[in-house]
Protein backbone atom coordinates (compact mmCIF):
# COMPACT_ATOMS: atom_id res chain seq x y z
CA PRO A 1 308.36 -46.94 -105.09
CA GLU A 2 306.49 -50.59 -103.41
CA VAL A 3 303.04 -48.78 -103.53
CA ARG A 4 303.85 -48.33 -107.61
CA LYS A 5 304.49 -51.56 -108.19
CA MET A 6 301.23 -52.89 -105.77
CA GLU A 7 299.12 -50.80 -108.55
CA ALA A 8 300.96 -51.91 -111.21
CA GLU A 9 300.56 -55.26 -110.49
CA VAL A 10 296.92 -55.01 -109.27
CA VAL A 11 296.04 -53.51 -112.80
CA GLN A 12 297.94 -56.57 -114.32
CA MET A 13 296.15 -59.34 -112.59
CA CYS A 14 292.75 -57.54 -113.36
CA CYS A 15 294.24 -57.12 -117.38
CA ASN A 16 295.19 -60.73 -117.33
CA ILE A 17 291.76 -61.76 -114.96
CA PHE A 18 289.40 -60.20 -118.02
CA ASN A 19 291.78 -61.92 -121.21
CA GLY A 20 293.94 -58.65 -121.79
CA ASP A 21 296.38 -59.06 -124.63
CA ALA A 22 300.20 -56.70 -123.73
CA GLN A 23 298.56 -54.33 -124.75
CA THR A 24 295.91 -54.16 -122.34
CA CYS A 25 296.34 -51.89 -119.73
CA GLY A 26 294.65 -49.29 -117.28
CA THR A 27 294.66 -47.54 -113.87
CA MET A 28 293.08 -47.85 -110.36
CA THR A 29 290.65 -45.73 -109.18
CA SER A 30 288.55 -44.82 -105.80
CA GLY A 31 285.28 -46.55 -106.68
CA GLY A 32 283.22 -47.45 -109.85
CA THR A 33 282.18 -44.18 -110.20
CA GLU A 34 285.35 -42.79 -111.28
CA SER A 35 286.16 -46.02 -113.57
CA ILE A 36 282.94 -45.09 -115.45
CA CYS A 37 284.11 -40.98 -115.43
CA MET A 38 287.49 -41.84 -116.31
CA ALA A 39 286.39 -44.35 -119.14
CA MET A 40 284.04 -41.29 -120.21
CA LYS A 41 286.39 -38.49 -120.38
CA THR A 42 288.60 -40.05 -121.95
CA TYR A 43 286.43 -41.59 -124.95
CA ARG A 44 285.29 -37.86 -125.82
CA ASP A 45 288.61 -36.82 -126.03
CA TRP A 46 289.33 -39.71 -128.16
CA ALA A 47 286.95 -39.17 -130.64
CA LYS A 48 288.14 -35.08 -130.84
CA GLN A 49 291.10 -35.30 -131.43
CA THR A 50 291.12 -38.64 -133.64
CA LYS A 51 287.43 -38.15 -135.50
CA GLY A 52 287.07 -34.46 -134.83
CA ILE A 53 283.76 -35.00 -132.92
CA GLN A 54 282.81 -31.58 -131.18
CA TYR A 55 279.30 -32.78 -130.12
CA PRO A 56 280.05 -35.97 -128.39
CA GLU A 57 276.55 -38.66 -127.16
CA ILE A 58 276.72 -42.19 -125.71
CA VAL A 59 274.54 -44.75 -126.01
CA LYS A 60 273.41 -46.12 -122.52
CA PRO A 61 270.62 -48.02 -121.27
CA THR A 62 268.19 -47.69 -119.05
CA SER A 63 269.70 -50.18 -116.70
CA ALA A 64 273.27 -48.90 -117.25
CA HIS A 65 275.15 -47.17 -113.32
CA ALA A 66 273.74 -43.72 -112.64
CA ALA A 67 277.60 -42.89 -112.64
CA PHE A 68 277.46 -42.84 -116.58
CA ASP A 69 274.91 -40.28 -116.44
CA LYS A 70 276.93 -38.10 -114.42
CA ALA A 71 279.86 -38.26 -116.59
CA CYS A 72 277.98 -36.70 -119.19
CA HIS A 73 276.97 -34.22 -116.93
CA TYR A 74 280.59 -33.39 -115.56
CA PHE A 75 281.98 -33.84 -119.37
CA GLY A 76 279.65 -32.33 -121.13
CA ILE A 77 278.88 -35.24 -123.09
CA LYS A 78 274.93 -35.88 -124.34
CA LEU A 79 273.32 -38.94 -122.89
CA VAL A 80 271.01 -41.30 -125.33
CA GLU A 81 268.97 -43.59 -123.07
CA VAL A 82 267.84 -47.18 -124.63
CA PRO A 83 265.17 -49.33 -123.98
CA VAL A 84 265.70 -52.91 -122.12
CA ASP A 85 263.74 -55.66 -122.76
CA PRO A 86 260.68 -55.86 -120.61
CA VAL A 87 261.19 -59.86 -119.39
CA THR A 88 264.85 -60.18 -120.20
CA PHE A 89 265.78 -56.34 -118.77
CA LYS A 90 268.58 -56.86 -121.36
CA VAL A 91 269.15 -54.05 -123.68
CA ASP A 92 267.56 -53.72 -126.55
CA ILE A 93 269.90 -54.19 -129.45
CA ALA A 94 267.35 -53.01 -132.19
CA ALA A 95 267.06 -49.45 -130.11
CA VAL A 96 271.11 -48.61 -129.84
CA ARG A 97 271.31 -49.29 -133.74
CA ARG A 98 269.04 -46.51 -133.95
CA ALA A 99 270.40 -44.23 -131.82
CA THR A 100 274.33 -44.49 -132.66
CA ASN A 101 275.30 -42.56 -135.40
CA ARG A 102 277.97 -40.30 -136.51
CA ASN A 103 278.69 -38.11 -133.19
CA THR A 104 278.50 -41.53 -130.77
CA ILE A 105 281.98 -41.89 -128.98
CA CYS A 106 280.68 -44.73 -127.13
CA ILE A 107 278.10 -47.62 -126.27
CA VAL A 108 277.85 -48.89 -122.69
CA GLY A 109 276.37 -52.44 -121.60
CA SER A 110 276.83 -53.92 -118.33
CA ALA A 111 278.06 -57.39 -116.72
CA LEU A 112 275.98 -57.11 -113.98
CA THR A 113 273.24 -54.64 -114.54
CA TYR A 114 272.93 -53.36 -110.51
CA PRO A 115 268.63 -53.41 -110.61
CA GLN A 116 268.37 -56.75 -112.02
CA GLY A 117 272.12 -58.26 -112.55
CA VAL A 118 271.66 -59.27 -116.07
CA THR A 119 274.25 -59.46 -118.20
CA ASP A 120 273.69 -57.47 -121.63
CA ASP A 121 274.80 -58.91 -125.06
CA PHE A 122 278.05 -57.71 -125.50
CA THR A 123 278.01 -59.95 -129.24
CA GLU A 124 275.85 -57.97 -130.65
CA LEU A 125 277.36 -54.60 -129.02
CA SER A 126 280.20 -55.29 -130.92
CA LYS A 127 279.53 -55.55 -133.91
CA ILE A 128 277.21 -52.15 -134.06
CA ALA A 129 280.46 -51.22 -132.11
CA LEU A 130 283.15 -52.02 -134.43
CA ALA A 131 281.21 -51.14 -137.43
CA ASN A 132 280.57 -47.28 -136.00
CA ASN A 133 284.41 -46.94 -135.56
CA CYS A 134 283.40 -45.98 -131.86
CA GLY A 135 283.85 -47.46 -128.04
CA LEU A 136 282.26 -50.07 -126.43
CA HIS A 137 282.67 -49.95 -122.47
CA CYS A 138 281.54 -52.88 -120.61
CA ASP A 139 280.95 -51.92 -116.64
CA ASN A 140 281.60 -54.84 -114.64
CA CYS A 141 281.77 -52.89 -111.26
CA LEU A 142 279.17 -55.21 -110.14
CA GLY A 143 280.47 -58.34 -111.76
CA SER A 144 283.57 -57.17 -110.48
CA LEU A 145 285.98 -60.23 -109.38
CA MET A 146 283.39 -62.67 -109.41
CA LEU A 147 281.90 -62.56 -112.50
CA PRO A 148 285.04 -63.46 -114.60
CA PHE A 149 285.35 -66.94 -112.36
CA LEU A 150 281.88 -68.47 -112.47
CA PRO A 151 283.04 -71.08 -115.49
CA ASP A 152 285.77 -72.98 -113.16
CA ALA A 153 283.47 -72.32 -110.49
CA GLY A 154 280.70 -74.53 -113.23
CA TYR A 155 278.61 -72.01 -114.07
CA LYS A 156 277.78 -70.50 -117.80
CA VAL A 157 278.85 -66.62 -118.40
CA ALA A 158 278.21 -64.50 -121.67
CA PRO A 159 280.58 -63.30 -123.61
CA PHE A 160 281.34 -60.24 -122.12
CA ASP A 161 285.78 -59.51 -121.47
CA PHE A 162 288.41 -58.59 -123.73
CA ARG A 163 287.86 -61.75 -125.53
CA VAL A 164 284.72 -59.87 -127.38
CA LYS A 165 286.26 -57.98 -130.41
CA GLY A 166 284.31 -55.20 -129.97
CA ILE A 167 285.23 -54.26 -126.55
CA THR A 168 287.73 -51.38 -125.73
CA SER A 169 287.01 -50.57 -121.58
CA MET A 170 286.15 -52.27 -118.52
CA SER A 171 285.42 -51.10 -115.26
CA ALA A 172 285.80 -53.84 -112.39
CA ASP A 173 285.74 -52.91 -108.89
CA THR A 174 288.05 -54.83 -106.36
CA HIS A 175 285.99 -53.74 -103.24
CA LYS A 176 282.91 -55.66 -103.86
CA PHE A 177 283.73 -59.64 -105.00
CA GLY A 178 287.90 -58.77 -105.01
CA PHE A 179 287.63 -58.72 -101.14
CA ALA A 180 289.80 -55.43 -101.09
CA PRO A 181 289.07 -52.39 -98.66
CA LYS A 182 286.11 -49.97 -100.20
CA GLY A 183 287.66 -47.27 -102.36
CA SER A 184 289.25 -49.87 -104.71
CA SER A 185 288.17 -49.89 -108.62
CA VAL A 186 290.14 -50.58 -111.66
CA ILE A 187 289.89 -49.54 -114.79
CA MET A 188 291.28 -50.78 -118.00
CA TYR A 189 291.88 -50.19 -121.80
CA ARG A 190 292.22 -52.60 -124.90
CA ASN A 191 295.56 -50.34 -125.56
CA PHE A 192 297.77 -47.81 -124.10
CA ASP A 193 297.09 -44.84 -126.82
CA LEU A 194 293.15 -45.10 -125.73
CA ARG A 195 294.53 -44.83 -121.64
CA HIS A 196 296.88 -42.16 -122.85
CA TYR A 197 293.26 -39.88 -123.17
CA GLN A 198 292.65 -40.78 -119.62
CA TYR A 199 295.80 -38.27 -118.45
CA TYR A 200 296.14 -34.96 -117.62
CA VAL A 201 299.35 -32.95 -117.87
CA SER A 202 299.88 -29.75 -117.21
CA ALA A 203 303.16 -29.09 -118.83
CA ASP A 204 303.99 -25.36 -118.06
CA TRP A 205 302.60 -24.93 -114.18
CA SER A 206 304.99 -23.20 -112.12
CA GLY A 207 305.09 -25.48 -109.52
CA GLY A 208 306.75 -27.91 -112.13
CA ILE A 209 305.01 -30.47 -114.94
CA TYR A 210 301.71 -31.89 -113.18
CA ALA A 211 300.65 -35.17 -114.41
CA THR A 212 298.47 -37.64 -113.13
CA PRO A 213 296.78 -40.56 -114.52
CA SER A 214 293.03 -40.46 -112.86
CA ILE A 215 291.13 -37.17 -111.21
CA ALA A 216 293.02 -37.62 -107.69
CA GLY A 217 296.26 -35.91 -106.78
CA SER A 218 296.93 -37.46 -104.02
CA ARG A 219 295.76 -41.26 -103.48
CA PRO A 220 295.03 -43.20 -100.52
CA GLY A 221 298.15 -45.99 -100.81
CA ALA A 222 296.89 -48.27 -97.91
CA ILE A 223 293.85 -48.67 -100.02
CA ILE A 224 296.10 -49.61 -102.95
CA ALA A 225 298.23 -52.24 -100.71
CA GLY A 226 295.40 -53.25 -99.15
CA THR A 227 293.77 -54.53 -102.87
CA TRP A 228 297.13 -56.17 -103.43
CA ALA A 229 297.12 -57.83 -100.77
CA ALA A 230 293.80 -59.61 -101.24
CA MET A 231 293.95 -60.22 -104.28
CA MET A 232 297.08 -62.22 -103.59
CA PHE A 233 295.70 -63.97 -100.45
CA MET A 234 292.20 -64.98 -102.41
CA GLY A 235 294.66 -65.84 -105.68
CA LYS A 236 292.39 -68.13 -107.85
CA GLU A 237 291.84 -70.89 -106.09
CA GLY A 238 290.20 -68.76 -103.66
CA TYR A 239 287.96 -66.60 -105.90
CA ILE A 240 287.09 -70.08 -107.27
CA SER A 241 285.81 -71.48 -104.11
CA ALA A 242 284.21 -67.92 -103.27
CA ALA A 243 282.47 -67.53 -106.69
CA LYS A 244 281.21 -71.50 -105.82
CA GLN A 245 279.67 -70.70 -102.36
CA VAL A 246 278.23 -67.41 -103.45
CA MET A 247 276.15 -68.76 -106.06
CA GLN A 248 274.87 -71.71 -103.85
CA MET A 249 273.64 -69.51 -101.83
CA SER A 250 272.57 -67.40 -105.06
CA SER A 251 270.70 -70.60 -106.59
CA GLU A 252 269.26 -71.57 -103.15
CA ILE A 253 267.38 -67.68 -102.44
CA LEU A 254 266.25 -67.40 -106.15
CA ALA A 255 264.38 -70.65 -106.01
CA GLY A 256 262.76 -69.89 -102.61
CA VAL A 257 261.70 -66.90 -103.86
CA ARG A 258 259.99 -68.48 -107.08
CA THR A 259 258.02 -70.50 -104.84
CA ILE A 260 256.60 -67.20 -103.64
CA PRO A 261 253.06 -66.83 -105.32
CA GLN A 262 252.73 -62.82 -104.71
CA LEU A 263 256.41 -62.23 -105.94
CA ILE A 264 257.94 -62.51 -109.39
CA VAL A 265 261.39 -62.65 -109.99
CA LEU A 266 262.77 -59.63 -113.21
CA GLY A 267 265.42 -61.21 -115.32
CA GLU A 268 267.08 -63.86 -115.33
CA PRO A 269 270.33 -63.40 -112.53
CA ALA A 270 273.97 -63.84 -114.31
CA MET A 271 275.29 -63.84 -110.96
CA SER A 272 274.31 -62.95 -107.26
CA VAL A 273 271.18 -61.17 -107.65
CA VAL A 274 267.90 -61.61 -107.25
CA CYS A 275 265.36 -58.43 -108.04
CA PHE A 276 261.56 -59.71 -107.56
CA ALA A 277 258.66 -57.15 -107.59
CA ALA A 278 254.99 -58.32 -106.57
CA ALA A 279 253.27 -60.06 -109.05
CA LYS A 280 250.07 -57.70 -108.77
CA PRO A 281 249.96 -54.19 -108.17
CA SER A 282 248.34 -54.10 -105.15
CA LEU A 283 250.84 -55.64 -103.17
CA ASN A 284 253.65 -52.56 -102.34
CA ILE A 285 256.98 -53.72 -102.96
CA PHE A 286 258.66 -51.28 -100.69
CA ASN A 287 256.65 -52.26 -97.77
CA ILE A 288 257.88 -55.97 -97.90
CA GLY A 289 261.15 -54.17 -98.12
CA ASP A 290 260.60 -52.61 -94.99
CA ALA A 291 259.18 -56.12 -93.47
CA MET A 292 262.39 -57.91 -94.20
CA THR A 293 264.74 -54.75 -92.85
CA ASN A 294 262.46 -55.05 -89.80
CA ARG A 295 264.04 -58.73 -89.95
CA GLY A 296 267.36 -57.36 -90.43
CA TRP A 297 268.10 -58.09 -93.43
CA SER A 298 269.59 -55.35 -96.07
CA LEU A 299 267.70 -55.05 -99.36
CA SER A 300 268.39 -52.46 -102.04
CA VAL A 301 265.18 -50.85 -103.24
CA MET A 302 264.35 -50.41 -107.29
CA GLN A 303 261.90 -48.23 -109.12
CA ASN A 304 261.15 -48.28 -112.67
CA PRO A 305 260.05 -50.79 -112.27
CA ALA A 306 259.38 -50.95 -108.43
CA SER A 307 260.95 -53.69 -107.01
CA ILE A 308 263.51 -54.96 -104.28
CA HIS A 309 266.84 -56.98 -104.86
CA ILE A 310 269.23 -59.25 -103.10
CA CYS A 311 273.21 -59.11 -103.82
CA VAL A 312 274.23 -62.18 -102.41
CA THR A 313 277.71 -61.73 -100.81
CA TYR A 314 280.29 -63.74 -99.13
CA ILE A 315 278.68 -63.02 -95.84
CA HIS A 316 275.63 -64.61 -96.71
CA THR A 317 276.70 -68.04 -97.50
CA ARG A 318 276.77 -68.80 -93.50
CA ASP A 319 275.00 -71.78 -92.63
CA GLY A 320 271.16 -71.55 -93.06
CA ALA A 321 271.21 -68.19 -94.88
CA SER A 322 268.81 -69.04 -97.64
CA SER A 323 266.59 -70.81 -95.61
CA ARG A 324 266.25 -68.10 -93.49
CA PHE A 325 265.83 -65.09 -96.25
CA VAL A 326 263.21 -67.12 -97.81
CA SER A 327 261.23 -67.69 -94.56
CA ASP A 328 261.23 -64.18 -93.44
CA LEU A 329 259.67 -63.29 -97.59
CA ARG A 330 257.01 -64.81 -97.11
CA ASP A 331 256.69 -63.92 -93.63
CA ALA A 332 256.84 -60.29 -94.85
CA VAL A 333 254.75 -60.74 -97.99
CA GLU A 334 252.10 -61.60 -95.08
CA ASP A 335 252.93 -59.07 -92.58
CA VAL A 336 252.09 -56.58 -95.47
CA GLU A 337 249.03 -58.14 -96.76
CA THR A 338 247.30 -58.02 -93.40
CA ALA A 339 248.69 -54.84 -91.36
CA PRO A 340 246.56 -52.87 -90.61
CA PRO A 341 246.23 -48.76 -92.49
CA GLY A 342 249.18 -47.24 -91.66
CA LYS A 343 251.85 -49.65 -90.28
CA PHE A 344 254.75 -48.55 -92.99
CA LYS A 345 253.28 -44.89 -92.92
CA ASP A 346 257.04 -44.14 -92.53
CA GLY A 347 259.05 -46.67 -94.58
CA MET A 348 260.52 -46.96 -98.50
CA GLY A 349 257.11 -47.69 -99.93
CA ALA A 350 255.76 -43.81 -98.77
CA ILE A 351 259.19 -42.46 -99.77
CA TYR A 352 258.86 -43.74 -103.49
CA GLY A 353 255.27 -43.82 -103.53
CA MET A 354 255.55 -40.20 -102.74
CA ALA A 355 258.29 -39.59 -105.37
CA GLU A 356 256.49 -41.01 -108.10
CA SER A 357 253.41 -38.90 -107.34
CA ILE A 358 255.60 -35.88 -108.09
CA PRO A 359 255.06 -34.82 -111.95
CA ASP A 360 258.08 -32.19 -111.97
CA ARG A 361 260.81 -34.88 -111.63
CA SER A 362 263.01 -31.82 -110.95
CA LEU A 363 261.02 -31.27 -107.21
CA VAL A 364 262.51 -35.02 -106.35
CA ASP A 365 266.01 -33.67 -107.55
CA ASP A 366 265.20 -31.04 -104.97
CA LEU A 367 264.39 -33.01 -101.90
CA ALA A 368 267.65 -35.04 -102.84
CA MET A 369 269.97 -32.33 -102.28
CA ASP A 370 268.16 -31.06 -99.20
CA TYR A 371 268.91 -34.21 -98.29
CA ILE A 372 272.36 -33.58 -98.87
CA ASP A 373 272.41 -31.21 -96.65
CA ALA A 374 271.15 -32.30 -93.93
CA LEU A 375 274.01 -35.23 -93.88
CA TYR A 376 276.75 -32.28 -93.66
CA THR A 377 274.59 -30.83 -90.44
CA ALA A 378 276.60 -30.98 -87.57
């Protein structure tokens, strides 16, 4: 009973943080992927029952998380991808409008996008969703419990929560900037009726009535309790304080990267993701990532376009971290520019270079599956 109450309070706290009303509700999940999968399953079943849609589609920007692709694969939903603006990296609104049709069950937007850390234009996406009577999902898994506190920390934030009329669901990873244990996320809906389509009930099973709110049957109470404890410990003032420190560090790193002429920042960061690419094709950005790894930094590799990003977290707010990062990045660029042939032949540059050169993308899929198989070799 105590863990049940903790989960209910975690969900209610999140609904309040994202400016829901008395009808706003949700459940906890094991992470952002499950939250996204649950939302897409919900829209599929809602659209089938209320609109008679037999061939459901979702409209998703290319920048939105691959978990939406996974959800479509799992639940038999057609994935319609639309491009992003090549300068802002926000979703192309005109493309969304053209792609939306009578089979569209949900439009997807991100706050933030994982690759470049920008926020899609939810005001315009909302207009399209309302005009087509379809869902609008805001994936706030990366924005987590920091993005909603940025205004109180002194930073401007584009509209992205339940105050935007057309948004009907949101996902938020409490295990990121909520500082909860790994394996903790919340999926929220605008009203109770919509949430009911997420549930699964088997009323006639010989083992008794079986009913679950999400994919899992058994769920770890320790993670629920840990999430509740983290949120209670941090409180509003704690989250605002963390936001100020992370954003200060992000601003310093962003400014520093922009002083390196061989690099170019992609998009205008909405929070704490700083994504950058090589300013000229002859400079291998993935090799720069390897050179930064050799200096103790953990950066993420992006593709289409080739780039790397740093997601600034609370651990980066230690004294001097931003200046060390920029200094190391400058040295890494020089290291790559002056490197003898073959120095980075075993790094990410070689791997992604090979992957990009393979015209049959199914071969890349096979290689990835072989890698996963290798992980299960005892």
